[in-house]
PDB file of N, CA and C in Angstrom:
ATOM      1  N   MET A   1     -10.099   1.736  -3.531  1.00  0.00           N
ATOM      2  CA  MET A   1     -10.518   2.494  -4.690  1.00  0.00           C
ATOM      3  C   MET A   1     -10.850   3.918  -4.256  1.00  0.00           C
ATOM      4  N   ILE A   2     -10.611   4.835  -5.176  1.00  0.00           N
ATOM      5  CA  ILE A   2     -10.874   6.244  -4.886  1.00  0.00           C
ATOM      6  C   ILE A   2     -11.528   6.874  -6.114  1.00  0.00           C
ATOM      7  N   ARG A   3     -12.492   7.749  -5.871  1.00  0.00           N
ATOM      8  CA  ARG A   3     -13.206   8.404  -6.962  1.00  0.00           C
ATOM      9  C   ARG A   3     -12.484   9.674  -7.380  1.00  0.00           C
ATOM     10  N   PHE A   4     -12.803  10.128  -8.588  1.00  0.00           N
ATOM     11  CA  PHE A   4     -12.169  11.313  -9.160  1.00  0.00           C
ATOM     12  C   PHE A   4     -12.298  12.513  -8.232  1.00  0.00           C
ATOM     13  N   GLY A   5     -13.483  12.750  -7.701  1.00  0.00           N
ATOM     14  CA  GLY A   5     -13.713  13.896  -6.831  1.00  0.00           C
ATOM     15  C   GLY A   5     -12.841  13.869  -5.584  1.00  0.00           C
ATOM     16  N   GLU A   6     -12.625  12.671  -5.047  1.00  0.00           N
ATOM     17  CA  GLU A   6     -11.766  12.544  -3.869  1.00  0.00           C
ATOM     18  C   GLU A   6     -10.314  12.868  -4.222  1.00  0.00           C
ATOM     19  N   LEU A   7      -9.874  12.376  -5.378  1.00  0.00           N
ATOM     20  CA  LEU A   7      -8.515  12.693  -5.840  1.00  0.00           C
ATOM     21  C   LEU A   7      -8.351  14.194  -6.010  1.00  0.00           C
ATOM     22  N   GLU A   8      -9.346  14.811  -6.626  1.00  0.00           N
ATOM     23  CA  GLU A   8      -9.300  16.247  -6.887  1.00  0.00           C
ATOM     24  C   GLU A   8      -9.179  17.046  -5.581  1.00  0.00           C
ATOM     25  N   LYS A   9      -9.901  16.623  -4.552  1.00  0.00           N
ATOM     26  CA  LYS A   9      -9.843  17.305  -3.259  1.00  0.00           C
ATOM     27  C   LYS A   9      -8.485  17.137  -2.586  1.00  0.00           C
ATOM     28  N   ASN A  10      -7.862  15.968  -2.780  1.00  0.00           N
ATOM     29  CA  ASN A  10      -6.621  15.645  -2.088  1.00  0.00           C
ATOM     30  C   ASN A  10      -5.358  16.115  -2.801  1.00  0.00           C
ATOM     31  N   VAL A  11      -5.486  16.565  -4.042  1.00  0.00           N
ATOM     32  CA  VAL A  11      -4.324  17.062  -4.785  1.00  0.00           C
ATOM     33  C   VAL A  11      -4.447  18.582  -4.867  1.00  0.00           C
ATOM     34  N   ALA A  12      -3.557  19.259  -4.193  1.00  0.00           N
ATOM     35  CA  ALA A  12      -3.627  20.727  -4.115  1.00  0.00           C
ATOM     36  C   ALA A  12      -3.407  21.374  -5.480  1.00  0.00           C
ATOM     37  N   ARG A  13      -4.199  22.380  -5.745  1.00  0.00           N
ATOM     38  CA  ARG A  13      -4.050  23.238  -6.919  1.00  0.00           C
ATOM     39  C   ARG A  13      -3.905  22.486  -8.238  1.00  0.00           C
ATOM     40  N   ILE A  14      -4.848  21.591  -8.549  1.00  0.00           N
ATOM     41  CA  ILE A  14      -4.829  20.895  -9.832  1.00  0.00           C
ATOM     42  C   ILE A  14      -6.171  21.109 -10.520  1.00  0.00           C
ATOM     43  N   THR A  15      -6.131  21.293 -11.821  1.00  0.00           N
ATOM     44  CA  THR A  15      -7.366  21.479 -12.578  1.00  0.00           C
ATOM     45  C   THR A  15      -7.913  20.118 -12.997  1.00  0.00           C
ATOM     46  N   ASP A  16      -9.206  20.087 -13.327  1.00  0.00           N
ATOM     47  CA  ASP A  16      -9.829  18.849 -13.810  1.00  0.00           C
ATOM     48  C   ASP A  16      -9.082  18.321 -15.030  1.00  0.00           C
ATOM     49  N   LYS A  17      -8.732  19.228 -15.928  1.00  0.00           N
ATOM     50  CA  LYS A  17      -8.069  18.836 -17.179  1.00  0.00           C
ATOM     51  C   LYS A  17      -6.713  18.177 -16.913  1.00  0.00           C
ATOM     52  N   ILE A  18      -5.933  18.767 -16.038  1.00  0.00           N
ATOM     53  CA  ILE A  18      -4.604  18.219 -15.732  1.00  0.00           C
ATOM     54  C   ILE A  18      -4.742  16.879 -15.017  1.00  0.00           C
ATOM     55  N   LEU A  19      -5.630  16.791 -14.020  1.00  0.00           N
ATOM     56  CA  LEU A  19      -5.822  15.545 -13.296  1.00  0.00           C
ATOM     57  C   LEU A  19      -6.297  14.440 -14.233  1.00  0.00           C
ATOM     58  N   THR A  20      -7.252  14.738 -15.090  1.00  0.00           N
ATOM     59  CA  THR A  20      -7.752  13.755 -16.046  1.00  0.00           C
ATOM     60  C   THR A  20      -6.631  13.264 -16.952  1.00  0.00           C
ATOM     61  N   GLY A  21      -5.824  14.184 -17.455  1.00  0.00           N
ATOM     62  CA  GLY A  21      -4.709  13.812 -18.328  1.00  0.00           C
ATOM     63  C   GLY A  21      -3.697  12.926 -17.627  1.00  0.00           C
ATOM     64  N   GLN A  22      -3.370  13.262 -16.388  1.00  0.00           N
ATOM     65  CA  GLN A  22      -2.407  12.466 -15.631  1.00  0.00           C
ATOM     66  C   GLN A  22      -2.954  11.072 -15.332  1.00  0.00           C
ATOM     67  N   LEU A  23      -4.231  10.998 -14.964  1.00  0.00           N
ATOM     68  CA  LEU A  23      -4.839   9.696 -14.691  1.00  0.00           C
ATOM     69  C   LEU A  23      -4.875   8.831 -15.947  1.00  0.00           C
ATOM     70  N   ARG A  24      -5.188   9.416 -17.083  1.00  0.00           N
ATOM     71  CA  ARG A  24      -5.197   8.662 -18.343  1.00  0.00           C
ATOM     72  C   ARG A  24      -3.803   8.130 -18.678  1.00  0.00           C
ATOM     73  N   GLN A  25      -2.790   8.976 -18.471  1.00  0.00           N
ATOM     74  CA  GLN A  25      -1.419   8.539 -18.744  1.00  0.00           C
ATOM     75  C   GLN A  25      -1.011   7.407 -17.800  1.00  0.00           C
ATOM     76  N   LEU A  26      -1.314   7.538 -16.518  1.00  0.00           N
ATOM     77  CA  LEU A  26      -0.986   6.483 -15.554  1.00  0.00           C
ATOM     78  C   LEU A  26      -1.709   5.179 -15.891  1.00  0.00           C
ATOM     79  N   GLU A  27      -2.938   5.297 -16.375  1.00  0.00           N
ATOM     80  CA  GLU A  27      -3.691   4.100 -16.775  1.00  0.00           C
ATOM     81  C   GLU A  27      -3.060   3.455 -18.009  1.00  0.00           C
ATOM     82  N   ARG A  28      -2.726   4.271 -19.019  1.00  0.00           N
ATOM     83  CA  ARG A  28      -2.085   3.745 -20.237  1.00  0.00           C
ATOM     84  C   ARG A  28      -0.789   3.013 -19.916  1.00  0.00           C
ATOM     85  N   GLU A  29      -0.047   3.548 -18.951  1.00  0.00           N
ATOM     86  CA  GLU A  29       1.243   2.971 -18.606  1.00  0.00           C
ATOM     87  C   GLU A  29       1.137   1.827 -17.597  1.00  0.00           C
ATOM     88  N   GLY A  30      -0.079   1.533 -17.149  1.00  0.00           N
ATOM     89  CA  GLY A  30      -0.309   0.381 -16.282  1.00  0.00           C
ATOM     90  C   GLY A  30      -0.071   0.609 -14.804  1.00  0.00           C
ATOM     91  N   PHE A  31       0.019   1.870 -14.369  1.00  0.00           N
ATOM     92  CA  PHE A  31       0.257   2.164 -12.959  1.00  0.00           C
ATOM     93  C   PHE A  31      -1.027   2.200 -12.130  1.00  0.00           C
ATOM     94  N   ILE A  32      -2.155   2.440 -12.779  1.00  0.00           N
ATOM     95  CA  ILE A  32      -3.444   2.449 -12.080  1.00  0.00           C
ATOM     96  C   ILE A  32      -4.485   1.702 -12.910  1.00  0.00           C
ATOM     97  N   HIS A  33      -5.562   1.308 -12.222  1.00  0.00           N
ATOM     98  CA  HIS A  33      -6.724   0.707 -12.877  1.00  0.00           C
ATOM     99  C   HIS A  33      -7.861   1.716 -12.804  1.00  0.00           C
ATOM    100  N   ARG A  34      -8.632   1.779 -13.871  1.00  0.00           N
ATOM    101  CA  ARG A  34      -9.801   2.658 -13.922  1.00  0.00           C
ATOM    102  C   ARG A  34     -11.026   1.776 -14.081  1.00  0.00           C
ATOM    103  N   LYS A  35     -12.007   1.943 -13.196  1.00  0.00           N
ATOM    104  CA  LYS A  35     -13.227   1.152 -13.257  1.00  0.00           C
ATOM    105  C   LYS A  35     -14.428   2.088 -13.405  1.00  0.00           C
ATOM    106  N   PRO A  36     -14.984   2.164 -14.633  1.00  0.00           N
ATOM    107  CA  PRO A  36     -16.152   3.023 -14.839  1.00  0.00           C
ATOM    108  C   PRO A  36     -17.458   2.296 -14.491  1.00  0.00           C
ATOM    109  N   TYR A  37     -18.417   3.048 -13.985  1.00  0.00           N
ATOM    110  CA  TYR A  37     -19.748   2.532 -13.682  1.00  0.00           C
ATOM    111  C   TYR A  37     -20.753   3.342 -14.496  1.00  0.00           C
ATOM    112  N   PRO A  38     -21.618   2.672 -15.259  1.00  0.00           N
ATOM    113  CA  PRO A  38     -22.614   3.412 -16.063  1.00  0.00           C
ATOM    114  C   PRO A  38     -23.791   3.871 -15.199  1.00  0.00           C
ATOM    115  N   VAL A  39     -23.633   5.021 -14.554  1.00  0.00           N
ATOM    116  CA  VAL A  39     -24.655   5.561 -13.668  1.00  0.00           C
ATOM    117  C   VAL A  39     -25.196   6.850 -14.283  1.00  0.00           C
ATOM    118  N   VAL A  40     -26.508   6.980 -14.311  1.00  0.00           N
ATOM    119  CA  VAL A  40     -27.144   8.169 -14.854  1.00  0.00           C
ATOM    120  C   VAL A  40     -27.475   9.095 -13.699  1.00  0.00           C
ATOM    121  N   PRO A  41     -27.313  10.408 -13.782  1.00  0.00           N
ATOM    122  CA  PRO A  41     -26.895  11.178 -14.948  1.00  0.00           C
ATOM    123  C   PRO A  41     -25.384  11.312 -15.078  1.00  0.00           C
ATOM    124  N   PHE A  42     -24.619  10.989 -14.036  1.00  0.00           N
ATOM    125  CA  PHE A  42     -23.176  11.143 -14.107  1.00  0.00           C
ATOM    126  C   PHE A  42     -22.507   9.787 -14.225  1.00  0.00           C
ATOM    127  N   LYS A  43     -21.364   9.807 -14.844  1.00  0.00           N
ATOM    128  CA  LYS A  43     -20.580   8.593 -14.969  1.00  0.00           C
ATOM    129  C   LYS A  43     -19.695   8.468 -13.730  1.00  0.00           C
ATOM    130  N   LYS A  44     -19.811   7.386 -13.020  1.00  0.00           N
ATOM    131  CA  LYS A  44     -19.007   7.153 -11.820  1.00  0.00           C
ATOM    132  C   LYS A  44     -17.754   6.373 -12.236  1.00  0.00           C
ATOM    133  N   VAL A  45     -16.598   6.852 -11.794  1.00  0.00           N
ATOM    134  CA  VAL A  45     -15.334   6.196 -12.104  1.00  0.00           C
ATOM    135  C   VAL A  45     -14.529   6.073 -10.822  1.00  0.00           C
ATOM    136  N   GLU A  46     -13.953   4.901 -10.605  1.00  0.00           N
ATOM    137  CA  GLU A  46     -13.080   4.690  -9.460  1.00  0.00           C
ATOM    138  C   GLU A  46     -11.703   4.271  -9.950  1.00  0.00           C
ATOM    139  N   TYR A  47     -10.690   4.685  -9.208  1.00  0.00           N
ATOM    140  CA  TYR A  47      -9.309   4.373  -9.555  1.00  0.00           C
ATOM    141  C   TYR A  47      -8.665   3.585  -8.432  1.00  0.00           C
ATOM    142  N   SER A  48      -7.785   2.664  -8.811  1.00  0.00           N
ATOM    143  CA  SER A  48      -7.003   1.925  -7.821  1.00  0.00           C
ATOM    144  C   SER A  48      -5.598   1.720  -8.378  1.00  0.00           C
ATOM    145  N   ILE A  49      -4.664   1.509  -7.490  1.00  0.00           N
ATOM    146  CA  ILE A  49      -3.278   1.326  -7.903  1.00  0.00           C
ATOM    147  C   ILE A  49      -3.080  -0.132  -8.338  1.00  0.00           C
ATOM    148  N   SER A  50      -2.316  -0.313  -9.400  1.00  0.00           N
ATOM    149  CA  SER A  50      -2.036  -1.653  -9.912  1.00  0.00           C
ATOM    150  C   SER A  50      -0.805  -2.236  -9.226  1.00  0.00           C
ATOM    151  N   ASP A  51      -0.524  -3.492  -9.511  1.00  0.00           N
ATOM    152  CA  ASP A  51       0.697  -4.115  -8.976  1.00  0.00           C
ATOM    153  C   ASP A  51       1.931  -3.355  -9.457  1.00  0.00           C
ATOM    154  N   LYS A  52       1.918  -2.939 -10.717  1.00  0.00           N
ATOM    155  CA  LYS A  52       3.032  -2.158 -11.255  1.00  0.00           C
ATOM    156  C   LYS A  52       3.165  -0.839 -10.486  1.00  0.00           C
ATOM    157  N   GLY A  53       2.045  -0.208 -10.195  1.00  0.00           N
ATOM    158  CA  GLY A  53       2.060   1.039  -9.441  1.00  0.00           C
ATOM    159  C   GLY A  53       2.620   0.843  -8.040  1.00  0.00           C
ATOM    160  N   MET A  54       2.297  -0.283  -7.429  1.00  0.00           N
ATOM    161  CA  MET A  54       2.809  -0.566  -6.085  1.00  0.00           C
ATOM    162  C   MET A  54       4.334  -0.678  -6.092  1.00  0.00           C
ATOM    163  N   THR A  55       4.906  -1.192  -7.169  1.00  0.00           N
ATOM    164  CA  THR A  55       6.365  -1.325  -7.220  1.00  0.00           C
ATOM    165  C   THR A  55       7.050   0.032  -7.326  1.00  0.00           C
ATOM    166  N   ALA A  56       6.328   1.045  -7.769  1.00  0.00           N
ATOM    167  CA  ALA A  56       6.909   2.385  -7.916  1.00  0.00           C
ATOM    168  C   ALA A  56       6.917   3.175  -6.606  1.00  0.00           C
ATOM    169  N   ILE A  57       6.126   2.767  -5.634  1.00  0.00           N
ATOM    170  CA  ILE A  57       6.006   3.526  -4.386  1.00  0.00           C
ATOM    171  C   ILE A  57       7.340   3.713  -3.665  1.00  0.00           C
ATOM    172  N   PRO A  58       8.158   2.667  -3.473  1.00  0.00           N
ATOM    173  CA  PRO A  58       9.440   2.891  -2.789  1.00  0.00           C
ATOM    174  C   PRO A  58      10.348   3.874  -3.535  1.00  0.00           C
ATOM    175  N   ILE A  59      10.302   3.871  -4.846  1.00  0.00           N
ATOM    176  CA  ILE A  59      11.116   4.793  -5.647  1.00  0.00           C
ATOM    177  C   ILE A  59      10.628   6.225  -5.440  1.00  0.00           C
ATOM    178  N   ILE A  60       9.317   6.409  -5.491  1.00  0.00           N
ATOM    179  CA  ILE A  60       8.723   7.738  -5.303  1.00  0.00           C
ATOM    180  C   ILE A  60       9.022   8.255  -3.896  1.00  0.00           C
ATOM    181  N   GLU A  61       8.913   7.384  -2.903  1.00  0.00           N
ATOM    182  CA  GLU A  61       9.210   7.792  -1.528  1.00  0.00           C
ATOM    183  C   GLU A  61      10.671   8.187  -1.364  1.00  0.00           C
ATOM    184  N   ALA A  62      11.581   7.451  -2.008  1.00  0.00           N
ATOM    185  CA  ALA A  62      13.007   7.773  -1.926  1.00  0.00           C
ATOM    186  C   ALA A  62      13.282   9.144  -2.546  1.00  0.00           C
ATOM    187  N   ILE A  63      12.681   9.415  -3.685  1.00  0.00           N
ATOM    188  CA  ILE A  63      12.862  10.715  -4.345  1.00  0.00           C
ATOM    189  C   ILE A  63      12.282  11.826  -3.475  1.00  0.00           C
ATOM    190  N   ARG A  64      11.084  11.592  -2.934  1.00  0.00           N
ATOM    191  CA  ARG A  64      10.444  12.591  -2.066  1.00  0.00           C
ATOM    192  C   ARG A  64      11.320  12.901  -0.855  1.00  0.00           C
ATOM    193  N   ASN A  65      11.828  11.866  -0.211  1.00  0.00           N
ATOM    194  CA  ASN A  65      12.671  12.070   0.969  1.00  0.00           C
ATOM    195  C   ASN A  65      13.953  12.827   0.621  1.00  0.00           C
ATOM    196  N   TYR A  66      14.531  12.510  -0.527  1.00  0.00           N
ATOM    197  CA  TYR A  66      15.740  13.207  -0.972  1.00  0.00           C
ATOM    198  C   TYR A  66      15.452  14.696  -1.199  1.00  0.00           C
ATOM    199  N   VAL A  67      14.346  14.994  -1.848  1.00  0.00           N
ATOM    200  CA  VAL A  67      13.979  16.388  -2.108  1.00  0.00           C
ATOM    201  C   VAL A  67      13.707  17.125  -0.799  1.00  0.00           C
ATOM    202  N   LEU A  68      13.024  16.477   0.138  1.00  0.00           N
ATOM    203  CA  LEU A  68      12.762  17.107   1.434  1.00  0.00           C
ATOM    204  C   LEU A  68      14.069  17.408   2.175  1.00  0.00           C
ATOM    205  N   GLU A  69      15.040  16.492   2.093  1.00  0.00           N
ATOM    206  CA  GLU A  69      16.349  16.727   2.708  1.00  0.00           C
ATOM    207  C   GLU A  69      17.050  17.922   2.056  1.00  0.00           C
ATOM    208  N   LEU A  70      16.992  17.997   0.732  1.00  0.00           N
ATOM    209  CA  LEU A  70      17.592  19.132   0.020  1.00  0.00           C
ATOM    210  C   LEU A  70      16.918  20.439   0.415  1.00  0.00           C
ATOM    211  N   MET A  71      15.607  20.427   0.498  1.00  0.00           N
ATOM    212  CA  MET A  71      14.864  21.630   0.869  1.00  0.00           C
ATOM    213  C   MET A  71      15.234  22.076   2.273  1.00  0.00           C
ATOM    214  N   GLU A  72      15.321  21.123   3.181  1.00  0.00           N
ATOM    215  CA  GLU A  72      15.680  21.460   4.555  1.00  0.00           C
ATOM    216  C   GLU A  72      17.099  22.024   4.614  1.00  0.00           C
ATOM    217  N   ALA A  73      18.012  21.426   3.873  1.00  0.00           N
ATOM    218  CA  ALA A  73      19.402  21.906   3.861  1.00  0.00           C
ATOM    219  C   ALA A  73      19.503  23.318   3.298  1.00  0.00           C
ATOM    220  N   GLU A  74      18.615  23.659   2.378  1.00  0.00           N
ATOM    221  CA  GLU A  74      18.622  24.988   1.766  1.00  0.00           C
ATOM    222  C   GLU A  74      17.701  25.967   2.490  1.00  0.00           C
ATOM    223  N   GLY A  75      16.990  25.487   3.508  1.00  0.00           N
ATOM    224  CA  GLY A  75      16.082  26.359   4.250  1.00  0.00           C
ATOM    225  C   GLY A  75      14.831  26.705   3.484  1.00  0.00           C
ATOM    226  N   VAL A  76      14.405  25.823   2.608  1.00  0.00           N
ATOM    227  CA  VAL A  76      13.216  26.047   1.795  1.00  0.00           C
ATOM    228  C   VAL A  76      12.031  25.310   2.401  1.00  0.00           C
ATOM    229  N   GLY A  77      10.868  25.947   2.430  1.00  0.00           N
ATOM    230  CA  GLY A  77       9.652  25.303   2.906  1.00  0.00           C
ATOM    231  C   GLY A  77       9.559  25.331   4.418  1.00  0.00           C
ATOM    232  N   GLU A  78       8.606  24.559   4.916  1.00  0.00           N
ATOM    233  CA  GLU A  78       8.349  24.507   6.362  1.00  0.00           C
ATOM    234  C   GLU A  78       9.421  23.663   7.042  1.00  0.00           C
ATOM    235  N   LYS A  79       9.800  24.092   8.202  1.00  0.00           N
ATOM    236  CA  LYS A  79      10.796  23.338   8.987  1.00  0.00           C
ATOM    237  C   LYS A  79      10.089  22.304   9.839  1.00  0.00           C
ATOM    238  N   LYS A  80      10.723  21.145   9.958  1.00  0.00           N
ATOM    239  CA  LYS A  80      10.193  20.084  10.817  1.00  0.00           C
ATOM    240  C   LYS A  80      10.549  20.395  12.261  1.00  0.00           C
ATOM    241  N   GLU A  81       9.645  20.070  13.162  1.00  0.00           N
ATOM    242  CA  GLU A  81       9.908  20.301  14.588  1.00  0.00           C
ATOM    243  C   GLU A  81      10.141  19.010  15.299  1.00  0.00           C
TER     244      GLU A  81
END
C-alpha cells in the first residue's frame, strides 16, 4: 500500500488535482483499491494495485520499452551506457 503523499513525491511534475483525478479514474475502472482511514484532522488514504491492475503491468512495460527504443533510435532523451 502507498499513501497519496508518497505517490505525489514519486510522480514528477504532477499537481494534486491531476493525481487525484487519475487515482479516482483508476479506482472506478478497477485497477487500484482505495482504503480510507477516518483520522482526525486529516483523512488518511492508502492505495494498492488490484488483480486487474496487475494484469496490465506487462502491457504497460511493453509499451514503455517500445517507446524507449523509439527514443533511443531518434536520439531523444538520455542515452543508456
